[in-house]
């Protein structure tokens, strides 16, 4: 059965993408911070504020980028009909 994605919710998809990007940035950032601390002279190292600031930055820009992408998709889907896919009942 062919179906089309007619509309994407910018707010809901933005929330999901922003949180996912923040979590992925933490998964990547924490090990790198630990590695850098191992090679830095005593008392020096990357600022701890980066561990808080960068995931928040990823969350905000992930939300904004996804919301803009959904808005553009909704605009274009109105003209050309949206993404079409096939599915079947299990």
N, C-alpha and C. Protein backbone atom coordinates (compact mmCIF):
# COMPACT_ATOMS: atom_id res chain seq x y z
N UNK A 1 0.84 -1.16 0.00
CA UNK A 1 0.00 0.00 0.00
C UNK A 1 0.90 1.25 0.00
N UNK A 2 0.71 2.11 -0.99
CA UNK A 2 1.50 3.33 -1.06
C UNK A 2 0.92 4.38 -0.14
N UNK A 3 1.82 5.06 0.56
CA UNK A 3 1.40 6.13 1.46
C UNK A 3 2.35 7.30 1.29
N UNK A 4 1.91 8.47 1.71
CA UNK A 4 2.73 9.67 1.62
C UNK A 4 2.84 10.35 2.97
N UNK A 5 4.01 10.91 3.20
CA UNK A 5 4.19 11.74 4.38
C UNK A 5 3.76 13.14 3.97
N UNK A 6 2.62 13.56 4.49
CA UNK A 6 2.03 14.82 4.07
C UNK A 6 2.60 16.01 4.84
N UNK A 7 2.87 15.81 6.14
CA UNK A 7 3.35 16.91 6.96
C UNK A 7 4.25 16.37 8.07
N UNK A 8 5.30 17.13 8.39
CA UNK A 8 6.17 16.83 9.52
C UNK A 8 6.02 17.94 10.55
N UNK A 9 5.87 17.58 11.80
CA UNK A 9 5.73 18.58 12.87
C UNK A 9 7.09 19.18 13.20
N UNK A 10 7.30 20.47 12.91
CA UNK A 10 8.60 21.08 13.20
C UNK A 10 8.97 21.04 14.68
N UNK A 11 8.01 21.33 15.56
CA UNK A 11 8.32 21.37 16.99
C UNK A 11 8.65 19.98 17.55
N UNK A 12 7.81 19.00 17.27
CA UNK A 12 8.04 17.66 17.81
C UNK A 12 9.33 17.05 17.25
N UNK A 13 9.52 17.14 15.94
CA UNK A 13 10.74 16.59 15.34
C UNK A 13 11.97 17.36 15.79
N UNK A 14 11.84 18.67 15.99
CA UNK A 14 12.95 19.47 16.49
C UNK A 14 13.36 19.05 17.89
N UNK A 15 12.36 18.78 18.75
CA UNK A 15 12.67 18.33 20.12
C UNK A 15 13.42 17.01 20.09
N UNK A 16 12.92 16.07 19.32
CA UNK A 16 13.54 14.74 19.27
C UNK A 16 14.96 14.84 18.72
N UNK A 17 15.14 15.55 17.61
CA UNK A 17 16.47 15.66 17.00
C UNK A 17 17.43 16.41 17.91
N UNK A 18 16.97 17.47 18.56
CA UNK A 18 17.83 18.23 19.46
C UNK A 18 18.32 17.40 20.63
N UNK A 19 17.42 16.66 21.26
CA UNK A 19 17.80 15.82 22.40
C UNK A 19 18.74 14.70 21.95
N UNK A 20 18.44 14.09 20.80
CA UNK A 20 19.33 13.03 20.29
C UNK A 20 20.72 13.57 20.01
N UNK A 21 20.81 14.75 19.41
CA UNK A 21 22.12 15.34 19.12
C UNK A 21 22.87 15.67 20.40
N UNK A 22 22.17 16.17 21.41
CA UNK A 22 22.82 16.46 22.69
C UNK A 22 23.36 15.19 23.34
N UNK A 23 22.56 14.11 23.31
CA UNK A 23 23.01 12.85 23.90
C UNK A 23 24.21 12.27 23.15
N UNK A 24 24.17 12.32 21.83
CA UNK A 24 25.30 11.81 21.04
C UNK A 24 26.55 12.64 21.31
N UNK A 25 26.39 13.96 21.44
CA UNK A 25 27.56 14.79 21.72
C UNK A 25 28.16 14.44 23.08
N UNK A 26 27.33 14.10 24.05
CA UNK A 26 27.86 13.67 25.35
C UNK A 26 28.62 12.36 25.24
N UNK A 27 28.07 11.42 24.48
CA UNK A 27 28.73 10.12 24.30
C UNK A 27 30.10 10.30 23.66
N UNK A 28 30.22 11.25 22.78
CA UNK A 28 31.50 11.50 22.11
C UNK A 28 32.40 12.39 22.96
N UNK A 29 31.83 13.41 23.59
CA UNK A 29 32.61 14.42 24.31
C UNK A 29 33.25 13.87 25.58
N UNK A 30 32.53 13.09 26.35
CA UNK A 30 33.06 12.62 27.64
C UNK A 30 34.33 11.77 27.46
N UNK A 31 34.36 10.78 26.57
CA UNK A 31 35.61 10.03 26.40
C UNK A 31 36.77 10.90 25.91
N UNK A 32 36.50 11.84 25.01
CA UNK A 32 37.56 12.72 24.54
C UNK A 32 38.09 13.60 25.67
N UNK A 33 37.20 14.08 26.53
CA UNK A 33 37.65 14.89 27.66
C UNK A 33 38.54 14.06 28.59
N UNK A 34 38.16 12.80 28.83
CA UNK A 34 38.98 11.95 29.69
C UNK A 34 40.35 11.68 29.08
N UNK A 35 40.39 11.48 27.76
CA UNK A 35 41.66 11.26 27.07
C UNK A 35 42.53 12.50 27.17
N UNK A 36 41.94 13.69 26.92
CA UNK A 36 42.72 14.92 26.99
C UNK A 36 43.27 15.15 28.39
N UNK A 37 42.47 14.87 29.42
CA UNK A 37 42.94 15.04 30.78
C UNK A 37 44.12 14.11 31.08
N UNK A 38 44.15 12.95 30.47
CA UNK A 38 45.25 12.02 30.69
C UNK A 38 46.56 12.50 30.11
N UNK A 39 46.52 13.32 29.08
CA UNK A 39 47.74 13.78 28.42
C UNK A 39 48.13 15.21 28.78
N UNK A 40 47.30 15.91 29.52
CA UNK A 40 47.60 17.29 29.89
C UNK A 40 48.44 17.32 31.16
N UNK A 41 49.27 18.35 31.30
CA UNK A 41 50.02 18.50 32.57
C UNK A 41 49.05 18.68 33.74
N UNK A 42 49.51 18.34 34.92
CA UNK A 42 48.66 18.40 36.11
C UNK A 42 48.13 19.83 36.30
N UNK A 43 46.85 19.92 36.56
CA UNK A 43 46.23 21.23 36.80
C UNK A 43 45.70 21.89 35.54
N UNK A 44 46.01 21.33 34.39
CA UNK A 44 45.52 21.89 33.14
C UNK A 44 44.61 20.86 32.47
N UNK A 45 43.88 21.32 31.52
CA UNK A 45 43.00 20.42 30.79
C UNK A 45 41.86 21.20 30.16
N UNK A 46 41.05 20.51 29.43
CA UNK A 46 39.92 21.20 28.80
C UNK A 46 38.94 21.68 29.87
N UNK A 47 38.31 22.82 29.64
CA UNK A 47 37.39 23.35 30.65
C UNK A 47 36.17 22.45 30.83
N UNK A 48 35.78 22.28 32.08
CA UNK A 48 34.60 21.46 32.39
C UNK A 48 33.32 22.08 31.84
N UNK A 49 33.34 23.38 31.64
CA UNK A 49 32.16 24.06 31.11
C UNK A 49 31.81 23.54 29.72
N UNK A 50 32.81 23.05 28.98
CA UNK A 50 32.55 22.49 27.65
C UNK A 50 31.60 21.30 27.72
N UNK A 51 31.70 20.50 28.77
CA UNK A 51 30.85 19.32 28.91
C UNK A 51 29.39 19.73 29.04
N UNK A 52 29.14 20.90 29.60
CA UNK A 52 27.77 21.40 29.73
C UNK A 52 27.37 22.22 28.50
N UNK A 53 28.27 23.08 28.05
CA UNK A 53 27.94 24.04 27.00
C UNK A 53 27.73 23.38 25.64
N UNK A 54 28.62 22.49 25.25
CA UNK A 54 28.51 21.90 23.91
C UNK A 54 27.25 21.07 23.70
N UNK A 55 26.85 20.20 24.63
CA UNK A 55 25.57 19.50 24.43
C UNK A 55 24.37 20.45 24.33
N UNK A 56 24.39 21.53 25.12
CA UNK A 56 23.30 22.51 25.01
C UNK A 56 23.31 23.19 23.65
N UNK A 57 24.50 23.48 23.16
CA UNK A 57 24.63 24.09 21.83
C UNK A 57 24.11 23.14 20.76
N UNK A 58 24.47 21.87 20.86
CA UNK A 58 23.96 20.88 19.91
C UNK A 58 22.44 20.75 20.00
N UNK A 59 21.90 20.80 21.22
CA UNK A 59 20.45 20.70 21.40
C UNK A 59 19.75 21.87 20.70
N UNK A 60 20.23 23.08 20.94
CA UNK A 60 19.58 24.27 20.37
C UNK A 60 19.68 24.27 18.85
N UNK A 61 20.89 24.06 18.33
CA UNK A 61 21.04 24.10 16.88
C UNK A 61 20.42 22.89 16.20
N UNK A 62 20.39 21.74 16.89
CA UNK A 62 19.69 20.58 16.34
C UNK A 62 18.20 20.84 16.24
N UNK A 63 17.64 21.48 17.27
CA UNK A 63 16.22 21.83 17.24
C UNK A 63 15.93 22.82 16.11
N UNK A 64 16.71 23.88 16.05
CA UNK A 64 16.48 24.92 15.03
C UNK A 64 16.64 24.35 13.63
N UNK A 65 17.71 23.60 13.39
CA UNK A 65 17.95 23.04 12.06
C UNK A 65 16.86 22.08 11.63
N UNK A 66 16.42 21.23 12.55
CA UNK A 66 15.36 20.27 12.22
C UNK A 66 14.03 20.97 11.99
N UNK A 67 13.72 21.97 12.82
CA UNK A 67 12.47 22.71 12.65
C UNK A 67 12.44 23.42 11.30
N UNK A 68 13.56 24.01 10.91
CA UNK A 68 13.63 24.67 9.60
C UNK A 68 13.49 23.64 8.49
N UNK A 69 14.17 22.50 8.63
CA UNK A 69 14.06 21.43 7.63
C UNK A 69 12.63 20.92 7.48
N UNK A 70 11.93 20.76 8.60
CA UNK A 70 10.52 20.31 8.55
C UNK A 70 9.64 21.37 7.90
N UNK A 71 9.89 22.63 8.21
CA UNK A 71 9.11 23.71 7.61
C UNK A 71 9.30 23.72 6.09
N UNK A 72 10.55 23.57 5.65
CA UNK A 72 10.83 23.52 4.20
C UNK A 72 10.16 22.30 3.58
N UNK A 73 10.25 21.15 4.25
CA UNK A 73 9.60 19.94 3.74
C UNK A 73 8.09 20.17 3.57
N UNK A 74 7.46 20.74 4.59
CA UNK A 74 6.02 20.98 4.52
C UNK A 74 5.67 21.91 3.37
N UNK A 75 6.50 22.89 3.13
CA UNK A 75 6.28 23.82 2.02
C UNK A 75 6.39 23.09 0.68
N UNK A 76 7.45 22.32 0.51
CA UNK A 76 7.68 21.60 -0.75
C UNK A 76 6.65 20.48 -0.92
N UNK A 77 6.31 19.78 0.15
CA UNK A 77 5.34 18.68 0.05
C UNK A 77 3.98 19.20 -0.40
N UNK A 78 3.67 20.43 -0.07
CA UNK A 78 2.42 21.02 -0.54
C UNK A 78 2.40 21.21 -2.04
N UNK A 79 3.57 21.42 -2.63
CA UNK A 79 3.67 21.61 -4.08
C UNK A 79 3.74 20.29 -4.84
N UNK A 80 4.55 19.35 -4.34
CA UNK A 80 4.83 18.13 -5.11
C UNK A 80 4.22 16.87 -4.51
N UNK A 81 3.64 16.95 -3.32
CA UNK A 81 2.93 15.79 -2.80
C UNK A 81 3.62 15.02 -1.70
N UNK A 82 4.83 15.32 -1.33
CA UNK A 82 5.49 14.65 -0.22
C UNK A 82 6.22 13.37 -0.61
N UNK A 83 6.89 12.79 0.38
CA UNK A 83 7.65 11.55 0.19
C UNK A 83 6.67 10.38 0.16
N UNK A 84 6.84 9.52 -0.82
CA UNK A 84 5.96 8.36 -0.97
C UNK A 84 6.73 7.10 -0.57
N UNK A 85 6.06 6.22 0.13
CA UNK A 85 6.66 4.94 0.52
C UNK A 85 5.60 3.86 0.49
N UNK A 86 6.06 2.63 0.47
CA UNK A 86 5.14 1.49 0.48
C UNK A 86 5.23 0.77 1.81
N UNK A 87 4.08 0.32 2.29
CA UNK A 87 4.05 -0.46 3.52
C UNK A 87 3.01 -1.57 3.38
N UNK A 88 3.11 -2.52 4.28
CA UNK A 88 2.12 -3.59 4.28
C UNK A 88 1.81 -3.95 5.72
N UNK A 89 0.62 -4.45 5.94
CA UNK A 89 0.22 -4.87 7.27
C UNK A 89 0.92 -6.17 7.62
N UNK A 90 1.35 -6.27 8.86
CA UNK A 90 2.09 -7.46 9.28
C UNK A 90 1.18 -8.65 9.48
